[in-house]
């Protein structure tokens, strides 16, 4: 199996223009469609909700999940940045779906650095925004003037390294699990291919996928808290 960027389709617009559609793009579209369908189901389940009654079923589960995530965010990033909670909850949900979609044989979008780096860069923008919004002078001073101004290039490189390290951590873990599973499929006897990989899928696609989504999101939230001073 080729673990480089895989071409799903080639669209020839003209003789000089060809649009390449990769497996990562297709799997991302699938994840987006699944999230949209899930959101519609949640909306329908809560449409006829009566405020005088306790929520039940899917609505109750989603309210518990949102409340728990909001408490987690406030506990790590502070109340001042609580308005960013919907963004990070959406990021967490997207990562969960993207990481575990390999269970059904679809290449995870996060097994491509072209996907994980933009996600990490978006978090980078968020925690820099948090720092500049909540305490601009102190935040810029921490980057360029602490402990002394000659350390500014090192501090700046440390800031730039954050999204790069986050993106490679997520990319490496997801891709590593996918490679290992593919190798096992290749060397395992046919009789064991229906038994052994199933347990490994439960770990690499489900357990590790959920763990990596949680780690990536928590790192992003922790950096928001550090940048905002909470």
Protein backbone atom coordinates (compact mmCIF):
# COMPACT_ATOMS: atom_id res chain seq x y z
CA UNK A 1 0.00 0.00 0.00
CA UNK A 2 1.30 3.45 -0.95
CA UNK A 3 1.28 5.77 2.06
CA UNK A 4 2.06 8.89 0.08
CA UNK A 5 -0.77 11.19 -0.98
CA UNK A 6 -3.05 8.98 -3.00
CA UNK A 7 -4.90 10.26 -6.05
CA UNK A 8 -8.58 9.37 -6.03
CA UNK A 9 -9.47 10.97 -9.36
CA UNK A 10 -8.10 13.27 -12.07
CA UNK A 11 -10.39 15.87 -13.57
CA UNK A 12 -9.07 17.15 -16.91
CA UNK A 13 -10.50 20.64 -17.33
CA UNK A 14 -8.38 21.54 -20.35
CA UNK A 15 -5.21 20.18 -21.91
CA UNK A 16 -3.15 22.31 -19.51
CA UNK A 17 -5.36 22.18 -16.42
CA UNK A 18 -5.90 19.02 -14.38
CA UNK A 19 -7.51 18.95 -10.94
CA UNK A 20 -6.35 16.13 -8.69
CA UNK A 21 -8.76 14.79 -6.06
CA UNK A 22 -6.93 12.89 -3.33
CA UNK A 23 -8.13 10.20 -0.94
CA UNK A 24 -7.74 12.72 1.88
CA UNK A 25 -10.16 15.12 0.23
CA UNK A 26 -12.71 12.37 -0.38
CA UNK A 27 -12.50 11.05 3.20
CA UNK A 28 -12.77 14.62 4.52
CA UNK A 29 -15.94 15.13 2.49
CA UNK A 30 -17.31 11.89 3.95
CA UNK A 31 -16.53 13.06 7.50
CA UNK A 32 -18.17 16.43 6.79
CA UNK A 33 -21.26 14.67 5.43
CA UNK A 34 -21.46 12.42 8.49
CA UNK A 35 -21.15 15.41 10.82
CA UNK A 36 -23.86 17.27 8.90
CA UNK A 37 -26.19 14.27 9.08
CA UNK A 38 -25.46 13.88 12.79
CA UNK A 39 -26.19 17.58 13.39
CA UNK A 40 -29.50 17.29 11.54
CA UNK A 41 -30.48 14.25 13.61
CA UNK A 42 -29.66 16.10 16.84
CA UNK A 43 -31.64 19.13 15.66
CA UNK A 44 -34.67 17.02 14.80
CA UNK A 45 -34.51 15.17 18.13
CA UNK A 46 -34.57 18.45 20.06
CA UNK A 47 -37.04 20.33 17.87
CA UNK A 48 -40.12 19.41 19.92
CA UNK A 49 -38.40 19.71 23.29
CA UNK A 50 -40.64 20.86 26.13
CA UNK A 51 -38.82 23.13 28.58
CA UNK A 52 -41.02 21.84 31.41
CA UNK A 53 -39.69 18.32 30.96
CA UNK A 54 -36.26 16.80 31.43
CA UNK A 55 -34.42 16.12 28.16
CA UNK A 56 -34.04 12.48 27.17
CA UNK A 57 -32.39 10.33 24.58
CA UNK A 58 -29.91 11.85 22.14
CA UNK A 59 -30.64 15.40 23.28
CA UNK A 60 -29.74 14.49 26.86
CA UNK A 61 -26.48 12.90 25.73
CA UNK A 62 -25.52 15.94 23.64
CA UNK A 63 -26.35 18.37 26.45
CA UNK A 64 -24.19 16.37 28.82
CA UNK A 65 -21.34 16.32 26.28
CA UNK A 66 -21.55 20.06 25.63
CA UNK A 67 -21.75 20.90 29.35
CA UNK A 68 -18.81 18.63 30.17
CA UNK A 69 -16.70 20.12 27.38
CA UNK A 70 -17.55 23.67 28.44
CA UNK A 71 -16.49 22.91 32.03
CA UNK A 72 -13.29 21.34 30.69
CA UNK A 73 -12.56 24.40 28.59
CA UNK A 74 -13.28 26.86 31.39
CA UNK A 75 -11.14 24.85 33.79
CA UNK A 76 -8.12 24.98 31.48
CA UNK A 77 -8.50 28.21 29.51
CA UNK A 78 -10.48 30.40 31.91
CA UNK A 79 -13.80 32.18 31.66
CA UNK A 80 -12.52 35.06 29.52
CA UNK A 81 -12.05 32.79 26.51
CA UNK A 82 -15.24 30.76 27.03
CA UNK A 83 -16.68 32.18 23.80
CA UNK A 84 -14.17 29.97 21.93
CA UNK A 85 -15.76 26.80 23.34
CA UNK A 86 -17.97 26.11 20.26
CA UNK A 87 -14.95 26.28 17.97
CA UNK A 88 -12.93 23.80 19.98
CA UNK A 89 -15.93 21.51 20.50
CA UNK A 90 -16.37 21.45 16.71
CA UNK A 91 -12.66 20.74 16.29
CA UNK A 92 -12.83 17.90 18.82
CA UNK A 93 -15.87 16.36 17.10
CA UNK A 94 -14.24 16.62 13.67
CA UNK A 95 -11.07 14.95 14.96
CA UNK A 96 -13.02 12.09 16.54
CA UNK A 97 -14.84 11.31 13.30
CA UNK A 98 -11.66 11.75 11.23
CA UNK A 99 -9.54 9.50 13.44
CA UNK A 100 -11.97 6.60 13.84
CA UNK A 101 -13.29 6.46 10.27
CA UNK A 102 -10.53 3.95 9.50
CA UNK A 103 -12.66 1.32 11.26
CA UNK A 104 -14.83 1.07 8.14
CA UNK A 105 -11.83 0.92 5.79
CA UNK A 106 -11.70 4.60 4.82
CA UNK A 107 -8.34 6.35 4.93
CA UNK A 108 -8.42 8.78 7.90
CA UNK A 109 -8.02 12.42 6.79
CA UNK A 110 -5.65 12.95 9.71
CA UNK A 111 -3.23 10.43 8.20
CA UNK A 112 -2.24 13.27 5.86
CA UNK A 113 -0.04 16.12 7.14
CA UNK A 114 -1.83 18.35 4.67
CA UNK A 115 -4.85 17.99 6.94
CA UNK A 116 -3.26 18.02 10.40
CA UNK A 117 -1.12 21.12 9.81
CA UNK A 118 -4.05 23.41 8.85
CA UNK A 119 -5.90 22.17 11.95
CA UNK A 120 -2.86 22.90 14.13
CA UNK A 121 -2.38 26.27 12.44
CA UNK A 122 -5.99 27.20 13.16
CA UNK A 123 -5.36 26.42 16.84
CA UNK A 124 -2.17 28.50 16.62
CA UNK A 125 -4.22 31.45 15.39
CA UNK A 126 -6.73 30.92 18.19
CA UNK A 127 -4.27 30.96 21.08
CA UNK A 128 -2.41 33.93 19.62
CA UNK A 129 -5.74 35.71 19.27
CA UNK A 130 -6.52 34.85 22.89
CA UNK A 131 -3.23 36.34 24.05
CA UNK A 132 -3.54 39.51 21.97
CA UNK A 133 -7.17 40.03 23.02
CA UNK A 134 -6.86 39.44 26.76
CA UNK A 135 -3.41 40.94 27.51
CA UNK A 136 -1.70 42.27 24.36
CA UNK A 137 1.22 44.07 26.00
CA UNK A 138 2.09 41.26 28.40
CA UNK A 139 1.69 38.63 25.68
CA UNK A 140 3.96 40.41 23.20
CA UNK A 141 6.43 41.15 25.99
CA UNK A 142 6.55 37.45 26.84
CA UNK A 143 7.45 36.62 23.24
CA UNK A 144 9.93 39.38 22.44
CA UNK A 145 11.29 40.76 25.71
CA UNK A 146 11.48 37.90 28.24
CA UNK A 147 13.74 37.09 29.90
CA UNK A 148 15.70 39.65 27.83
CA UNK A 149 15.14 40.95 24.31
CA UNK A 150 18.03 38.95 22.82
CA UNK A 151 15.96 35.80 23.39
CA UNK A 152 13.25 37.06 21.05
CA UNK A 153 14.33 34.86 18.08
CA UNK A 154 14.35 31.75 20.29
CA UNK A 155 10.97 32.61 21.79
CA UNK A 156 9.56 33.25 18.33
CA UNK A 157 10.86 29.91 17.06
CA UNK A 158 9.27 28.24 20.09
CA UNK A 159 5.91 29.75 19.16
CA UNK A 160 6.23 28.66 15.54
CA UNK A 161 7.22 25.15 16.64
CA UNK A 162 3.93 24.66 18.53
CA UNK A 163 1.64 24.09 15.51
CA UNK A 164 4.33 22.09 13.72
CA UNK A 165 4.81 19.75 16.69
CA UNK A 166 1.05 19.39 17.21
CA UNK A 167 0.45 18.56 13.55
CA UNK A 168 3.23 15.97 13.38
CA UNK A 169 2.12 14.33 16.63
CA UNK A 170 -1.41 13.76 15.33
CA UNK A 171 -0.26 12.86 11.82
CA UNK A 172 2.40 10.42 13.02
CA UNK A 173 0.16 8.55 15.42
CA UNK A 174 -2.70 8.10 12.96
CA UNK A 175 -0.45 7.22 10.02
CA UNK A 176 1.64 4.86 12.15
CA UNK A 177 -1.42 2.91 13.20
CA UNK A 178 -2.63 2.72 9.61
CA UNK A 179 0.75 1.45 8.37
CA UNK A 180 0.97 -1.17 11.10
CA UNK A 181 -2.52 -2.48 10.36
CA UNK A 182 -1.75 -2.66 6.65
CA UNK A 183 1.44 -4.63 7.33
CA UNK A 184 -0.47 -7.07 9.54
CA UNK A 185 -3.09 -7.52 6.83
CA UNK A 186 -0.25 -8.27 4.42
CA UNK A 187 1.58 -10.89 6.49
CA UNK A 188 -1.22 -12.50 8.50
CA UNK A 189 -2.72 -15.75 7.17
CA UNK A 190 -6.11 -15.38 5.56
CA UNK A 191 -7.84 -17.13 8.47
CA UNK A 192 -6.41 -14.63 10.97
CA UNK A 193 -7.21 -11.57 8.87
CA UNK A 194 -10.80 -11.77 10.09
CA UNK A 195 -9.83 -12.07 13.77
CA UNK A 196 -6.50 -10.46 14.69
CA UNK A 197 -6.85 -7.12 12.84
CA UNK A 198 -10.30 -6.60 14.35
CA UNK A 199 -8.79 -6.27 17.84
CA UNK A 200 -6.06 -3.99 16.50
CA UNK A 201 -8.66 -1.80 14.79
CA UNK A 202 -10.33 -1.37 18.16
CA UNK A 203 -7.05 0.00 19.54
CA UNK A 204 -5.45 1.93 16.67
CA UNK A 205 -8.62 3.32 15.10
CA UNK A 206 -10.97 3.63 18.05
CA UNK A 207 -9.03 3.93 21.32
CA UNK A 208 -5.93 5.65 19.90
CA UNK A 209 -8.09 7.78 17.62
CA UNK A 210 -10.16 9.09 20.52
CA UNK A 211 -7.03 9.61 22.61
CA UNK A 212 -5.25 11.59 19.89
CA UNK A 213 -8.31 13.76 19.31
CA UNK A 214 -8.45 14.49 23.03
CA UNK A 215 -4.70 15.24 23.27
CA UNK A 216 -4.73 17.58 20.27
CA UNK A 217 -7.76 19.48 21.59
CA UNK A 218 -6.43 19.69 25.13
CA UNK A 219 -3.08 21.02 23.94
CA UNK A 220 -4.89 23.69 21.96
CA UNK A 221 -7.02 24.65 24.95
CA UNK A 222 -4.01 24.67 27.28
CA UNK A 223 -2.14 27.03 24.93
CA UNK A 224 -5.20 29.30 24.90
CA UNK A 225 -5.14 29.37 28.70
CA UNK A 226 -1.42 30.13 28.79
CA UNK A 227 -1.73 32.86 26.18
CA UNK A 228 -4.68 34.53 27.93
CA UNK A 229 -2.98 34.38 31.31
CA UNK A 230 -5.55 32.10 33.01
